[in-house]
């Protein structure tokens, strides 16, 4: 993969950075804008997020724990990936990080190059996981429709499960159609 295609991963991404204000944060936001990101910056963390937020970068601060927990729960419910920005020398943060379960962890001191690499990796991983979930859901739905069609055939014609499957498979082959299409036809035709 080329550098351009990797950076294209960030183009158009809407992210929110919860981090105490500093010159380095403002410079990082400006860099993200140059890469085509739409970034917002605020502090302290807030439980409510913009409806179009696609990625969160959150500075982890023990004093903000009451605000962090609802923020992470809300982001997880909306399937928004989170990169926690934590001080790796502060061992007291580890239990909080385990509780919050971010998608990734990076250094709290902003290293733009390292953080951009982390953002690209996190987005690619989360998008891949979302595609896998969609495929799994489609396979599950397919299996459920096939099972429903077999059940209809079993009830209608008094067949056992393997007989119903053989009948559907034979019909699919004779009509040169897929098992899914045949199952839909069985369900819509016989289930009335």
N, C-alpha and C. Protein backbone atom coordinates (compact mmCIF):
# COMPACT_ATOMS: atom_id res chain seq x y z
N UNK A 1 0.83 -1.18 0.00
CA UNK A 1 0.00 0.00 0.00
C UNK A 1 0.87 1.24 0.00
N UNK A 2 0.47 2.23 -0.76
CA UNK A 2 1.25 3.46 -0.82
C UNK A 2 0.85 4.40 0.30
N UNK A 3 1.71 5.37 0.52
CA UNK A 3 1.44 6.36 1.55
C UNK A 3 0.14 7.11 1.25
N UNK A 4 -0.08 7.42 -0.04
CA UNK A 4 -1.29 8.14 -0.43
C UNK A 4 -2.55 7.34 -0.11
N UNK A 5 -2.53 6.03 -0.41
CA UNK A 5 -3.73 5.23 -0.15
C UNK A 5 -3.96 5.07 1.35
N UNK A 6 -2.89 5.01 2.12
CA UNK A 6 -3.06 4.95 3.57
C UNK A 6 -3.65 6.25 4.10
N UNK A 7 -3.12 7.37 3.64
CA UNK A 7 -3.64 8.66 4.10
C UNK A 7 -5.06 8.90 3.63
N UNK A 8 -5.43 8.29 2.50
CA UNK A 8 -6.81 8.42 2.00
C UNK A 8 -7.80 7.83 2.99
N UNK A 9 -7.35 6.93 3.84
CA UNK A 9 -8.20 6.35 4.88
C UNK A 9 -8.77 7.45 5.78
N UNK A 10 -8.00 8.52 5.96
CA UNK A 10 -8.43 9.60 6.86
C UNK A 10 -9.27 10.66 6.17
N UNK A 11 -9.27 10.66 4.86
CA UNK A 11 -9.99 11.69 4.12
C UNK A 11 -11.48 11.65 4.44
N UNK A 12 -11.99 12.77 4.90
CA UNK A 12 -13.42 12.88 5.21
C UNK A 12 -13.82 12.35 6.57
N UNK A 13 -12.89 11.77 7.30
CA UNK A 13 -13.22 11.21 8.62
C UNK A 13 -13.56 12.35 9.58
N UNK A 14 -14.65 12.15 10.31
CA UNK A 14 -15.07 13.14 11.31
C UNK A 14 -14.65 12.60 12.69
N UNK A 15 -13.73 13.33 13.31
CA UNK A 15 -13.24 12.87 14.60
C UNK A 15 -13.35 13.96 15.64
N UNK A 16 -13.41 13.50 16.87
CA UNK A 16 -13.46 14.42 18.00
C UNK A 16 -12.28 14.09 18.91
N UNK A 17 -11.55 15.12 19.28
CA UNK A 17 -10.41 14.96 20.18
C UNK A 17 -10.77 15.59 21.52
N UNK A 18 -10.82 14.76 22.56
CA UNK A 18 -11.01 15.26 23.91
C UNK A 18 -9.63 15.27 24.55
N UNK A 19 -9.05 16.44 24.67
CA UNK A 19 -7.69 16.59 25.18
C UNK A 19 -7.55 18.01 25.72
N UNK A 20 -6.84 18.19 26.84
CA UNK A 20 -6.64 19.55 27.33
C UNK A 20 -6.00 20.42 26.24
N UNK A 21 -6.44 21.65 26.19
CA UNK A 21 -5.99 22.56 25.14
C UNK A 21 -4.50 22.84 25.27
N UNK A 22 -3.82 22.83 24.14
CA UNK A 22 -2.41 23.18 24.08
C UNK A 22 -2.07 23.53 22.64
N UNK A 23 -0.92 24.11 22.46
CA UNK A 23 -0.46 24.44 21.11
C UNK A 23 -0.30 23.18 20.27
N UNK A 24 0.21 22.10 20.88
CA UNK A 24 0.41 20.86 20.12
C UNK A 24 -0.91 20.26 19.65
N UNK A 25 -1.97 20.38 20.46
CA UNK A 25 -3.28 19.86 20.05
C UNK A 25 -3.83 20.70 18.90
N UNK A 26 -3.70 22.00 19.00
CA UNK A 26 -4.19 22.87 17.92
C UNK A 26 -3.42 22.61 16.63
N UNK A 27 -2.10 22.40 16.73
CA UNK A 27 -1.28 22.12 15.54
C UNK A 27 -1.67 20.76 14.95
N UNK A 28 -1.94 19.78 15.82
CA UNK A 28 -2.35 18.46 15.34
C UNK A 28 -3.69 18.54 14.61
N UNK A 29 -4.62 19.29 15.15
CA UNK A 29 -5.93 19.48 14.48
C UNK A 29 -5.75 20.14 13.12
N UNK A 30 -4.86 21.10 13.04
CA UNK A 30 -4.58 21.76 11.75
C UNK A 30 -3.99 20.76 10.76
N UNK A 31 -3.10 19.89 11.23
CA UNK A 31 -2.52 18.86 10.36
C UNK A 31 -3.59 17.90 9.86
N UNK A 32 -4.51 17.53 10.74
CA UNK A 32 -5.59 16.63 10.34
C UNK A 32 -6.49 17.27 9.29
N UNK A 33 -6.72 18.58 9.44
CA UNK A 33 -7.53 19.30 8.46
C UNK A 33 -6.85 19.27 7.09
N UNK A 34 -5.53 19.40 7.08
CA UNK A 34 -4.78 19.34 5.82
C UNK A 34 -4.89 17.96 5.18
N UNK A 35 -5.07 16.93 6.00
CA UNK A 35 -5.21 15.56 5.48
C UNK A 35 -6.65 15.26 5.05
N UNK A 36 -7.55 16.21 5.26
CA UNK A 36 -8.93 16.02 4.84
C UNK A 36 -9.87 15.57 5.95
N UNK A 37 -9.37 15.53 7.18
CA UNK A 37 -10.22 15.16 8.32
C UNK A 37 -11.04 16.37 8.77
N UNK A 38 -12.14 16.08 9.38
CA UNK A 38 -12.96 17.11 10.01
C UNK A 38 -12.84 16.88 11.51
N UNK A 39 -12.02 17.68 12.17
CA UNK A 39 -11.77 17.42 13.59
C UNK A 39 -12.36 18.51 14.47
N UNK A 40 -12.84 18.05 15.62
CA UNK A 40 -13.30 18.94 16.68
C UNK A 40 -12.42 18.67 17.88
N UNK A 41 -12.21 19.71 18.67
CA UNK A 41 -11.38 19.56 19.86
C UNK A 41 -12.12 20.19 21.03
N UNK A 42 -12.15 19.49 22.15
CA UNK A 42 -12.74 20.08 23.36
C UNK A 42 -12.18 19.37 24.59
N UNK A 43 -12.40 19.98 25.71
CA UNK A 43 -12.04 19.43 27.01
C UNK A 43 -12.92 20.08 28.03
N UNK A 44 -13.42 19.44 28.99
CA UNK A 44 -13.29 18.04 29.36
C UNK A 44 -14.17 17.14 28.48
N UNK A 45 -14.05 15.82 28.66
CA UNK A 45 -14.87 14.89 27.87
C UNK A 45 -16.36 15.11 28.12
N UNK A 46 -17.14 14.87 27.10
CA UNK A 46 -18.59 15.00 27.20
C UNK A 46 -19.23 13.69 26.76
N UNK A 47 -20.34 13.33 27.40
CA UNK A 47 -21.01 12.07 27.06
C UNK A 47 -21.73 12.16 25.72
N UNK A 48 -22.14 13.38 25.35
CA UNK A 48 -22.86 13.52 24.08
C UNK A 48 -21.87 13.81 22.96
N UNK A 49 -22.09 13.10 21.85
CA UNK A 49 -21.22 13.25 20.70
C UNK A 49 -22.03 13.75 19.52
N UNK A 50 -21.36 14.39 18.60
CA UNK A 50 -22.00 14.78 17.36
C UNK A 50 -22.49 13.51 16.66
N UNK A 51 -23.62 13.58 16.00
CA UNK A 51 -24.20 12.39 15.37
C UNK A 51 -23.34 11.84 14.25
N UNK A 52 -22.45 12.65 13.69
CA UNK A 52 -21.64 12.19 12.57
C UNK A 52 -20.20 11.84 12.97
N UNK A 53 -19.92 11.75 14.26
CA UNK A 53 -18.57 11.41 14.73
C UNK A 53 -18.23 9.99 14.30
N UNK A 54 -17.00 9.81 13.74
CA UNK A 54 -16.56 8.51 13.26
C UNK A 54 -15.37 7.96 14.02
N UNK A 55 -14.69 8.81 14.79
CA UNK A 55 -13.50 8.39 15.53
C UNK A 55 -13.31 9.33 16.71
N UNK A 56 -12.91 8.75 17.84
CA UNK A 56 -12.64 9.55 19.04
C UNK A 56 -11.19 9.36 19.48
N UNK A 57 -10.57 10.45 19.85
CA UNK A 57 -9.27 10.42 20.52
C UNK A 57 -9.51 11.05 21.88
N UNK A 58 -9.24 10.29 22.94
CA UNK A 58 -9.60 10.75 24.28
C UNK A 58 -8.40 10.67 25.21
N UNK A 59 -8.03 11.82 25.78
CA UNK A 59 -6.97 11.85 26.79
C UNK A 59 -7.54 11.23 28.07
N UNK A 60 -6.80 10.28 28.62
CA UNK A 60 -7.26 9.58 29.83
C UNK A 60 -6.67 10.28 31.05
N UNK A 61 -7.59 10.74 31.88
CA UNK A 61 -7.22 11.47 33.08
C UNK A 61 -8.05 10.90 34.23
N UNK A 62 -7.40 10.45 35.29
CA UNK A 62 -8.10 9.84 36.43
C UNK A 62 -9.17 10.77 37.00
N UNK A 63 -8.93 12.07 36.96
CA UNK A 63 -9.89 13.03 37.51
C UNK A 63 -11.14 13.14 36.65
N UNK A 64 -11.08 12.66 35.43
CA UNK A 64 -12.22 12.74 34.52
C UNK A 64 -12.98 11.42 34.40
N UNK A 65 -12.64 10.44 35.24
CA UNK A 65 -13.26 9.11 35.15
C UNK A 65 -14.79 9.16 35.13
N UNK A 66 -15.44 9.98 35.96
CA UNK A 66 -16.92 10.01 35.91
C UNK A 66 -17.46 10.44 34.53
N UNK A 67 -16.69 11.21 33.79
CA UNK A 67 -17.11 11.63 32.46
C UNK A 67 -16.69 10.63 31.39
N UNK A 68 -15.58 9.93 31.61
CA UNK A 68 -15.05 9.01 30.61
C UNK A 68 -15.94 7.78 30.42
N UNK A 69 -16.41 7.21 31.52
CA UNK A 69 -17.20 5.98 31.43
C UNK A 69 -18.43 6.15 30.55
N UNK A 70 -19.28 7.18 30.77
CA UNK A 70 -20.44 7.31 29.89
C UNK A 70 -20.06 7.65 28.44
N UNK A 71 -18.96 8.36 28.25
CA UNK A 71 -18.49 8.67 26.90
C UNK A 71 -18.13 7.38 26.15
N UNK A 72 -17.38 6.52 26.80
CA UNK A 72 -16.96 5.26 26.17
C UNK A 72 -18.15 4.35 25.92
N UNK A 73 -19.09 4.30 26.84
CA UNK A 73 -20.29 3.48 26.66
C UNK A 73 -21.08 3.99 25.46
N UNK A 74 -21.28 5.29 25.40
CA UNK A 74 -22.02 5.89 24.28
C UNK A 74 -21.33 5.61 22.95
N UNK A 75 -20.02 5.76 22.90
CA UNK A 75 -19.28 5.51 21.66
C UNK A 75 -19.37 4.05 21.25
N UNK A 76 -19.26 3.14 22.22
CA UNK A 76 -19.35 1.71 21.92
C UNK A 76 -20.74 1.35 21.37
N UNK A 77 -21.78 1.93 21.97
CA UNK A 77 -23.14 1.67 21.50
C UNK A 77 -23.33 2.12 20.05
N UNK A 78 -22.62 3.18 19.67
CA UNK A 78 -22.74 3.71 18.30
C UNK A 78 -21.64 3.18 17.38
N UNK A 79 -20.85 2.24 17.88
CA UNK A 79 -19.79 1.60 17.09
C UNK A 79 -18.75 2.63 16.59
N UNK A 80 -18.43 3.58 17.46
CA UNK A 80 -17.41 4.58 17.14
C UNK A 80 -16.09 4.13 17.76
N UNK A 81 -15.05 3.95 16.96
CA UNK A 81 -13.77 3.53 17.53
C UNK A 81 -13.15 4.64 18.39
N UNK A 82 -12.44 4.19 19.43
CA UNK A 82 -11.82 5.13 20.37
C UNK A 82 -10.35 4.81 20.52
N UNK A 83 -9.53 5.84 20.41
CA UNK A 83 -8.11 5.72 20.72
C UNK A 83 -7.90 6.48 22.03
N UNK A 84 -7.48 5.76 23.05
CA UNK A 84 -7.20 6.37 24.34
C UNK A 84 -5.79 6.94 24.31
N UNK A 85 -5.65 8.16 24.76
CA UNK A 85 -4.34 8.81 24.84
C UNK A 85 -3.94 8.81 26.31
N UNK A 86 -2.96 7.96 26.64
CA UNK A 86 -2.63 7.74 28.05
C UNK A 86 -1.14 7.92 28.31
N UNK A 87 -0.85 8.32 29.53
CA UNK A 87 0.53 8.42 29.99
C UNK A 87 1.01 7.01 30.34
N UNK A 88 1.90 6.47 29.53
CA UNK A 88 2.34 5.08 29.71
C UNK A 88 3.16 4.88 30.99
N UNK A 89 3.58 5.95 31.62
CA UNK A 89 4.37 5.85 32.85
C UNK A 89 3.49 5.87 34.09
N UNK A 90 2.19 6.01 33.91
CA UNK A 90 1.27 6.08 35.04
C UNK A 90 0.52 4.75 35.16
N UNK A 91 1.05 3.86 36.00
CA UNK A 91 0.47 2.52 36.16
C UNK A 91 -0.94 2.57 36.75
N UNK A 92 -1.30 3.65 37.41
CA UNK A 92 -2.65 3.76 37.98
C UNK A 92 -3.73 3.84 36.89
N UNK A 93 -3.33 4.17 35.66
CA UNK A 93 -4.30 4.26 34.56
C UNK A 93 -4.69 2.90 33.99
N UNK A 94 -3.86 1.87 34.22
CA UNK A 94 -4.11 0.57 33.59
C UNK A 94 -5.48 -0.02 33.96
N UNK A 95 -5.89 -0.03 35.24
CA UNK A 95 -7.23 -0.56 35.55
C UNK A 95 -8.34 0.23 34.85
N UNK A 96 -8.18 1.55 34.77
CA UNK A 96 -9.18 2.37 34.10
C UNK A 96 -9.22 2.04 32.61
N UNK A 97 -8.05 1.88 32.00
CA UNK A 97 -8.01 1.52 30.58
C UNK A 97 -8.65 0.16 30.33
N UNK A 98 -8.41 -0.79 31.22
CA UNK A 98 -9.04 -2.11 31.09
C UNK A 98 -10.55 -2.01 31.20
N UNK A 99 -11.01 -1.15 32.08
CA UNK A 99 -12.45 -0.95 32.25
C UNK A 99 -13.05 -0.26 31.02
N UNK A 100 -12.38 0.75 30.48
CA UNK A 100 -12.92 1.52 29.36
C UNK A 100 -12.86 0.77 28.03
N UNK A 101 -11.91 -0.13 27.87
CA UNK A 101 -11.75 -0.95 26.67
C UNK A 101 -11.71 -0.14 25.37
N UNK A 102 -10.71 0.73 25.23
CA UNK A 102 -10.59 1.46 23.96
C UNK A 102 -10.15 0.51 22.84
N UNK A 103 -10.34 0.93 21.60
CA UNK A 103 -9.90 0.13 20.46
C UNK A 103 -8.39 0.14 20.34
N UNK A 104 -7.75 1.23 20.78
CA UNK A 104 -6.29 1.36 20.72
C UNK A 104 -5.85 2.34 21.80
N UNK A 105 -4.55 2.28 22.10
CA UNK A 105 -3.97 3.19 23.09
C UNK A 105 -2.72 3.81 22.47
N UNK A 106 -2.59 5.11 22.64
CA UNK A 106 -1.41 5.84 22.15
C UNK A 106 -0.92 6.75 23.26
N UNK A 107 0.27 7.29 23.07
CA UNK A 107 0.85 8.18 24.07
C UNK A 107 0.03 9.47 24.17
N UNK A 108 -0.10 9.95 25.39
CA UNK A 108 -0.87 11.18 25.62
C UNK A 108 -0.19 12.39 25.01
N UNK A 109 1.16 12.43 25.07
CA UNK A 109 1.88 13.51 24.43
C UNK A 109 1.77 13.27 22.93
N UNK A 110 1.20 14.21 22.24
CA UNK A 110 0.87 14.00 20.83
C UNK A 110 2.11 13.93 19.96
N UNK A 111 2.30 12.78 19.36
CA UNK A 111 3.31 12.58 18.32
C UNK A 111 2.50 12.44 17.04
N UNK A 112 2.40 13.50 16.24
CA UNK A 112 1.49 13.47 15.09
C UNK A 112 1.69 12.26 14.17
N UNK A 113 2.92 11.94 13.83
CA UNK A 113 3.14 10.82 12.91
C UNK A 113 2.64 9.52 13.52
N UNK A 114 3.04 9.24 14.76
CA UNK A 114 2.63 7.99 15.42
C UNK A 114 1.11 7.94 15.59
N UNK A 115 0.51 9.06 15.91
CA UNK A 115 -0.93 9.08 16.12
C UNK A 115 -1.70 8.91 14.81
N UNK A 116 -1.20 9.48 13.73
CA UNK A 116 -1.85 9.30 12.43
C UNK A 116 -1.76 7.84 12.00
N UNK A 117 -0.61 7.21 12.22
CA UNK A 117 -0.47 5.78 11.92
C UNK A 117 -1.45 4.97 12.76
N UNK A 118 -1.58 5.31 14.03
CA UNK A 118 -2.52 4.61 14.93
C UNK A 118 -3.96 4.82 14.46
N UNK A 119 -4.29 6.03 14.05
CA UNK A 119 -5.65 6.31 13.56
C UNK A 119 -5.96 5.49 12.32
N UNK A 120 -5.03 5.43 11.37
CA UNK A 120 -5.24 4.66 10.15
C UNK A 120 -5.43 3.18 10.48
N UNK A 121 -4.54 2.66 11.32
CA UNK A 121 -4.64 1.24 11.70
C UNK A 121 -5.94 0.93 12.41
N UNK A 122 -6.36 1.80 13.31
CA UNK A 122 -7.60 1.59 14.06
C UNK A 122 -8.81 1.64 13.13
N UNK A 123 -8.85 2.65 12.26
CA UNK A 123 -9.98 2.75 11.33
C UNK A 123 -10.05 1.55 10.40
N UNK A 124 -8.90 1.12 9.87
CA UNK A 124 -8.88 -0.04 8.98
C UNK A 124 -9.35 -1.30 9.72
N UNK A 125 -8.88 -1.49 10.93
CA UNK A 125 -9.27 -2.66 11.71
C UNK A 125 -10.76 -2.65 12.03
N UNK A 126 -11.27 -1.51 12.48
CA UNK A 126 -12.68 -1.41 12.84
C UNK A 126 -13.56 -1.60 11.60
N UNK A 127 -13.18 -1.01 10.49
CA UNK A 127 -13.97 -1.17 9.26
C UNK A 127 -13.97 -2.63 8.81
N UNK A 128 -12.82 -3.28 8.94
CA UNK A 128 -12.74 -4.70 8.59
C UNK A 128 -13.66 -5.53 9.50
N UNK A 129 -13.65 -5.24 10.78
CA UNK A 129 -14.52 -5.94 11.73
C UNK A 129 -16.00 -5.70 11.40
N UNK A 130 -16.34 -4.47 11.00
CA UNK A 130 -17.72 -4.17 10.64
C UNK A 130 -18.14 -4.95 9.40
N UNK A 131 -17.24 -5.06 8.41
CA UNK A 131 -17.55 -5.85 7.21
C UNK A 131 -17.74 -7.32 7.58
N UNK A 132 -16.87 -7.84 8.45
CA UNK A 132 -17.02 -9.24 8.88
C UNK A 132 -18.34 -9.47 9.59
N UNK A 133 -18.73 -8.53 10.47
CA UNK A 133 -20.02 -8.66 11.16
C UNK A 133 -21.18 -8.65 10.16
N UNK A 134 -21.08 -7.79 9.14
CA UNK A 134 -22.14 -7.73 8.12
C UNK A 134 -22.24 -9.05 7.37
N UNK A 135 -21.10 -9.64 7.03
CA UNK A 135 -21.09 -10.93 6.34
C UNK A 135 -21.68 -12.01 7.24
N UNK A 136 -21.28 -12.01 8.51
CA UNK A 136 -21.80 -12.99 9.45
C UNK A 136 -23.32 -12.85 9.61
N UNK A 137 -23.80 -11.61 9.68
CA UNK A 137 -25.23 -11.38 9.81
C UNK A 137 -25.97 -11.85 8.56
N UNK A 138 -25.38 -11.60 7.38
CA UNK A 138 -26.00 -12.05 6.13
C UNK A 138 -26.04 -13.59 6.09
N UNK A 139 -24.96 -14.23 6.51
CA UNK A 139 -24.94 -15.71 6.54
C UNK A 139 -25.97 -16.24 7.53
N UNK A 140 -26.08 -15.59 8.66
CA UNK A 140 -27.07 -15.99 9.67
C UNK A 140 -28.48 -15.84 9.11
N UNK A 141 -28.74 -14.72 8.45
CA UNK A 141 -30.06 -14.49 7.87
C UNK A 141 -30.36 -15.54 6.79
N UNK A 142 -29.35 -15.86 5.99
CA UNK A 142 -29.50 -16.88 4.94
C UNK A 142 -29.85 -18.22 5.57
N UNK A 143 -29.12 -18.60 6.61
CA UNK A 143 -29.37 -19.88 7.29
C UNK A 143 -30.78 -19.91 7.88
N UNK A 144 -31.21 -18.79 8.44
CA UNK A 144 -32.55 -18.74 9.04
C UNK A 144 -33.63 -18.87 7.97
N UNK A 145 -33.44 -18.23 6.81
CA UNK A 145 -34.42 -18.33 5.73
C UNK A 145 -34.47 -19.75 5.16
N UNK A 146 -33.30 -20.38 5.02
CA UNK A 146 -33.28 -21.76 4.55
C UNK A 146 -33.99 -22.68 5.54
N UNK A 147 -33.74 -22.48 6.83
CA UNK A 147 -34.40 -23.29 7.86
C UNK A 147 -35.90 -23.05 7.84
N UNK A 148 -36.31 -21.81 7.63
CA UNK A 148 -37.75 -21.50 7.58
C UNK A 148 -38.38 -22.18 6.37
N UNK A 149 -37.71 -22.16 5.21
CA UNK A 149 -38.24 -22.81 4.01
C UNK A 149 -38.33 -24.32 4.21
N UNK A 150 -37.31 -24.91 4.83
CA UNK A 150 -37.36 -26.36 5.10
C UNK A 150 -38.55 -26.67 6.02
N UNK A 151 -38.76 -25.84 7.02
CA UNK A 151 -39.87 -26.04 7.95
C UNK A 151 -41.22 -25.98 7.22
N UNK A 152 -41.35 -25.02 6.29
CA UNK A 152 -42.59 -24.91 5.52
C UNK A 152 -42.81 -26.17 4.70
N UNK A 153 -41.75 -26.65 4.04
CA UNK A 153 -41.87 -27.88 3.25
C UNK A 153 -42.19 -29.09 4.12
N UNK A 154 -41.57 -29.15 5.29
CA UNK A 154 -41.82 -30.27 6.20
C UNK A 154 -43.29 -30.29 6.64
N UNK A 155 -43.82 -29.12 6.98
CA UNK A 155 -45.20 -29.03 7.44
C UNK A 155 -46.19 -29.28 6.30
N UNK A 156 -45.87 -28.73 5.13
CA UNK A 156 -46.79 -28.83 3.99
C UNK A 156 -46.85 -30.23 3.41
N UNK A 157 -45.68 -30.86 3.24
CA UNK A 157 -45.62 -32.14 2.55
C UNK A 157 -45.27 -33.32 3.47
N UNK A 158 -45.14 -33.08 4.75
CA UNK A 158 -44.84 -34.16 5.68
C UNK A 158 -43.46 -34.77 5.48
N UNK A 159 -42.49 -33.95 5.07
CA UNK A 159 -41.12 -34.43 4.84
C UNK A 159 -40.29 -34.32 6.10
N UNK A 160 -39.20 -35.08 6.14
CA UNK A 160 -38.22 -34.87 7.21
C UNK A 160 -37.27 -33.76 6.73
N UNK A 161 -36.35 -33.35 7.60
CA UNK A 161 -35.48 -32.22 7.28
C UNK A 161 -34.61 -32.49 6.05
N UNK A 162 -34.03 -33.67 5.96
CA UNK A 162 -33.17 -33.96 4.81
C UNK A 162 -33.98 -34.05 3.52
N UNK A 163 -35.21 -34.57 3.60
CA UNK A 163 -36.08 -34.62 2.42
C UNK A 163 -36.45 -33.23 1.94
N UNK A 164 -36.74 -32.33 2.89
CA UNK A 164 -37.07 -30.95 2.54
C UNK A 164 -35.87 -30.27 1.88
N UNK A 165 -34.68 -30.52 2.42
CA UNK A 165 -33.47 -29.93 1.83
C UNK A 165 -33.24 -30.47 0.42
N UNK A 166 -33.38 -31.79 0.24
CA UNK A 166 -33.18 -32.38 -1.09
C UNK A 166 -34.18 -31.81 -2.10
N UNK A 167 -35.42 -31.63 -1.67
CA UNK A 167 -36.44 -31.06 -2.56
C UNK A 167 -36.07 -29.63 -2.97
N UNK A 168 -35.61 -28.83 -2.00
CA UNK A 168 -35.21 -27.45 -2.33
C UNK A 168 -34.00 -27.45 -3.24
N UNK A 169 -33.03 -28.29 -2.97
CA UNK A 169 -31.82 -28.35 -3.79
C UNK A 169 -32.16 -28.79 -5.22
N UNK A 170 -33.03 -29.77 -5.33
CA UNK A 170 -33.45 -30.25 -6.65
C UNK A 170 -34.17 -29.14 -7.42
N UNK A 171 -35.07 -28.43 -6.74
CA UNK A 171 -35.80 -27.33 -7.38
C UNK A 171 -34.84 -26.21 -7.79
N UNK A 172 -33.87 -25.92 -6.96
CA UNK A 172 -32.88 -24.88 -7.30
C UNK A 172 -32.09 -25.29 -8.53
N UNK A 173 -31.69 -26.54 -8.61
CA UNK A 173 -30.92 -27.01 -9.77
C UNK A 173 -31.79 -27.03 -11.02
N UNK A 174 -33.03 -27.47 -10.90
CA UNK A 174 -33.92 -27.54 -12.06
C UNK A 174 -34.25 -26.16 -12.62
N UNK A 175 -34.36 -25.18 -11.77
CA UNK A 175 -34.69 -23.82 -12.21
C UNK A 175 -33.44 -22.96 -12.40
N UNK A 176 -32.29 -23.55 -12.13
CA UNK A 176 -31.00 -22.83 -12.21
C UNK A 176 -31.03 -21.54 -11.40
N UNK A 177 -31.51 -21.69 -10.20
CA UNK A 177 -31.55 -20.54 -9.29
C UNK A 177 -30.82 -20.90 -8.00
N UNK A 178 -30.57 -19.92 -7.19
CA UNK A 178 -29.84 -20.14 -5.94
C UNK A 178 -30.76 -20.76 -4.89
N UNK A 179 -30.14 -21.33 -3.89
CA UNK A 179 -30.92 -21.88 -2.77
C UNK A 179 -31.68 -20.76 -2.05
N UNK A 180 -31.06 -19.58 -1.97
CA UNK A 180 -31.73 -18.45 -1.30
C UNK A 180 -33.00 -18.07 -2.05
N UNK A 181 -32.90 -17.99 -3.38
CA UNK A 181 -34.07 -17.63 -4.19
C UNK A 181 -35.14 -18.71 -4.06
N UNK A 182 -34.72 -19.96 -4.10
CA UNK A 182 -35.67 -21.07 -3.97
C UNK A 182 -36.34 -21.04 -2.60
N UNK A 183 -35.58 -20.76 -1.56
CA UNK A 183 -36.14 -20.67 -0.20
C UNK A 183 -37.17 -19.55 -0.13
N UNK A 184 -36.87 -18.40 -0.71
CA UNK A 184 -37.82 -17.29 -0.71
C UNK A 184 -39.10 -17.67 -1.45
N UNK A 185 -38.96 -18.37 -2.58
CA UNK A 185 -40.13 -18.81 -3.35
C UNK A 185 -40.97 -19.78 -2.53
N UNK A 186 -40.32 -20.71 -1.85
CA UNK A 186 -41.04 -21.68 -1.02
C UNK A 186 -41.81 -20.94 0.06
N UNK A 187 -41.15 -20.02 0.73
CA UNK A 187 -41.79 -19.30 1.85
C UNK A 187 -42.96 -18.46 1.36
N UNK A 188 -42.77 -17.71 0.27
CA UNK A 188 -43.85 -16.83 -0.20
C UNK A 188 -44.98 -17.60 -0.85
N UNK A 189 -44.66 -18.74 -1.49
CA UNK A 189 -45.70 -19.51 -2.20
C UNK A 189 -46.50 -20.38 -1.25
N UNK A 190 -45.83 -21.08 -0.36
CA UNK A 190 -46.51 -22.07 0.48
C UNK A 190 -46.96 -21.57 1.83
N UNK A 191 -46.38 -20.49 2.31
CA UNK A 191 -46.71 -20.01 3.66
C UNK A 191 -47.77 -18.92 3.57
N UNK A 192 -48.99 -19.35 3.49
CA UNK A 192 -50.10 -18.36 3.43
C UNK A 192 -51.21 -18.77 4.35
